[in-house]
Each structure stands twice: as structure tokens, then as C-alpha cells.
Protein backbone atom coordinates (compact mmCIF):
# COMPACT_ATOMS: atom_id res chain seq x y z
CA UNK A 1 282.31 91.40 -19.61
CA UNK A 2 280.09 91.32 -22.65
CA UNK A 3 278.48 94.46 -24.03
CA UNK A 4 274.97 93.47 -22.90
CA UNK A 5 276.16 92.64 -19.38
CA UNK A 6 277.94 96.00 -19.13
CA UNK A 7 274.82 97.75 -20.41
CA UNK A 8 272.66 96.05 -17.77
CA UNK A 9 275.14 97.08 -15.09
CA UNK A 10 274.92 100.70 -16.15
CA UNK A 11 271.12 100.56 -16.20
CA UNK A 12 271.14 99.06 -12.69
CA UNK A 13 273.45 101.80 -11.41
CA UNK A 14 271.29 104.55 -12.93
CA UNK A 15 268.14 102.97 -11.49
CA UNK A 16 269.66 102.71 -8.01
CA UNK A 17 270.85 106.30 -8.20
CA UNK A 18 267.33 107.43 -9.10
CA UNK A 19 265.95 105.67 -6.03
CA UNK A 20 268.14 107.81 -3.79
CA UNK A 21 266.96 111.10 -5.29
CA UNK A 22 264.37 112.93 -3.22
CA UNK A 23 260.85 112.76 -4.55
CA UNK A 24 259.14 116.00 -5.48
CA UNK A 25 258.32 118.02 -2.41
CA UNK A 26 254.80 117.59 -1.14
CA UNK A 27 252.52 120.53 -1.73
CA UNK A 28 249.95 121.57 0.88
CA UNK A 29 246.45 122.73 -0.04
CA UNK A 30 247.47 126.39 0.08
CA UNK A 31 249.91 128.49 -1.93
CA UNK A 32 253.26 128.45 -0.15
CA UNK A 33 254.32 131.66 -1.91
CA UNK A 34 251.69 133.47 0.13
CA UNK A 35 252.53 131.75 3.44
CA UNK A 36 252.98 134.38 6.14
CA UNK A 37 252.49 132.57 9.43
CA UNK A 38 255.42 130.60 10.85
CA UNK A 39 253.30 127.44 10.98
CA UNK A 40 252.32 127.83 7.32
CA UNK A 41 255.99 128.18 6.38
CA UNK A 42 256.81 125.09 8.43
CA UNK A 43 254.08 123.10 6.66
CA UNK A 44 255.44 124.20 3.28
CA UNK A 45 258.88 122.92 4.19
CA UNK A 46 257.80 119.60 5.68
CA UNK A 47 256.54 116.82 3.39
CA UNK A 48 254.70 115.00 6.20
CA UNK A 49 252.84 118.13 7.33
CA UNK A 50 252.13 119.17 3.73
CA UNK A 51 250.65 115.73 3.04
CA UNK A 52 248.49 115.98 6.16
CA UNK A 53 247.32 119.43 5.12
CA UNK A 54 246.33 118.14 1.71
CA UNK A 55 244.55 115.14 3.23
CA UNK A 56 242.62 117.37 5.64
CA UNK A 57 241.63 119.70 2.80
CA UNK A 58 240.27 116.75 0.82
CA UNK A 59 238.46 115.29 3.83
CA UNK A 60 236.98 118.69 4.66
CA UNK A 61 235.79 119.18 1.09
CA UNK A 62 234.07 115.79 1.21
CA UNK A 63 232.47 116.66 4.54
CA UNK A 64 231.16 119.92 3.08
CA UNK A 65 229.76 118.07 0.08
CA UNK A 66 227.91 115.62 2.37
CA UNK A 67 226.66 118.28 4.78
CA UNK A 68 223.18 119.68 4.61
CA UNK A 69 222.83 123.39 3.86
CA UNK A 70 222.21 124.22 7.53
CA UNK A 71 225.34 122.28 8.62
CA UNK A 72 227.75 124.06 6.26
CA UNK A 73 228.14 127.32 8.26
CA UNK A 74 228.86 125.38 11.47
CA UNK A 75 231.35 123.14 9.69
CA UNK A 76 233.17 126.13 8.18
CA UNK A 77 233.24 127.92 11.55
CA UNK A 78 234.66 124.80 13.17
CA UNK A 79 237.40 124.63 10.54
CA UNK A 80 238.28 128.32 11.02
CA UNK A 81 238.47 127.83 14.79
CA UNK A 82 240.64 124.74 14.36
CA UNK A 83 242.99 126.62 12.03
CA UNK A 84 243.32 129.54 14.45
CA UNK A 85 244.28 127.12 17.23
CA UNK A 86 246.67 125.21 14.98
CA UNK A 87 248.48 128.43 14.02
CA UNK A 88 249.17 129.00 17.73
CA UNK A 89 251.42 125.93 17.62
CA UNK A 90 254.23 128.33 16.68
CA UNK A 91 254.17 129.54 20.28
CA UNK A 92 254.69 126.09 21.81
CA UNK A 93 257.90 124.32 22.77
CA UNK A 94 257.39 121.77 19.97
CA UNK A 95 255.69 123.54 17.06
CA UNK A 96 256.03 120.63 14.63
CA UNK A 97 254.72 118.10 17.13
CA UNK A 98 251.83 120.39 17.96
CA UNK A 99 250.91 120.83 14.27
CA UNK A 100 251.26 117.10 13.63
CA UNK A 101 248.96 116.36 16.55
CA UNK A 102 246.45 119.02 15.48
CA UNK A 103 246.20 117.62 11.95
CA UNK A 104 245.97 114.03 13.14
CA UNK A 105 243.14 114.78 15.55
CA UNK A 106 241.25 116.91 13.02
CA UNK A 107 241.52 114.29 10.29
CA UNK A 108 240.08 111.69 12.69
CA UNK A 109 236.89 113.78 12.92
CA UNK A 110 236.20 113.40 9.22
């Protein structure tokens, strides 16, 4: 095998190895170091849930920006109520499924 062919083989092996490495863990919209609730800890350890959390945070911020001044308090109260319900997912038989469903339905509203 020539030197250039061997070099290309090594590059291909390194590239393929890099594809199998896990990507950086997804980060939710909140600081995981301060996560206290079981659901928050679960979100921090789950890339899908962390991505959904980040998406919801962005969608909510856009909704707040579009809202009139008199709509903002209602929108914030709705988000707080949703979060309180979502945190209760820890008490269900399928906490992850419950959180996944809660995020999916909430995101659909925005």
C-alpha cells in the first residue's frame, strides 16, 4: 500500500471513530447544577427532554415578545401552572413519558 493510500485509510478510520462518539449533552434552559426536583434532574440527564425544554423556553420567549402588555401576566401564570403540573410527572408510573407528553402539548400551543 502506498503512503498516501495508508494515510487516507487512517483518516477514514479516525473520521468513523469520531462519528461514534456521543455529541455534547443537550443543555436545558435552566441550570442543571441547581436542579432539585426529580423531573428537573431527569431533564438534565436526557438529551431529548433537554432539547424540548430549550425549545419551549425559546417559544415562550417569542410568545412573550409578541404579547401585549395586558396578556403577559396571564401568559406567565399559564406557564407557571404548566410547570407545576409537569413537575408532578415524577409521581406517575411513567415519569419520562409524562414529561415528554407535557412538553409536546405545551410546545404545540406556541
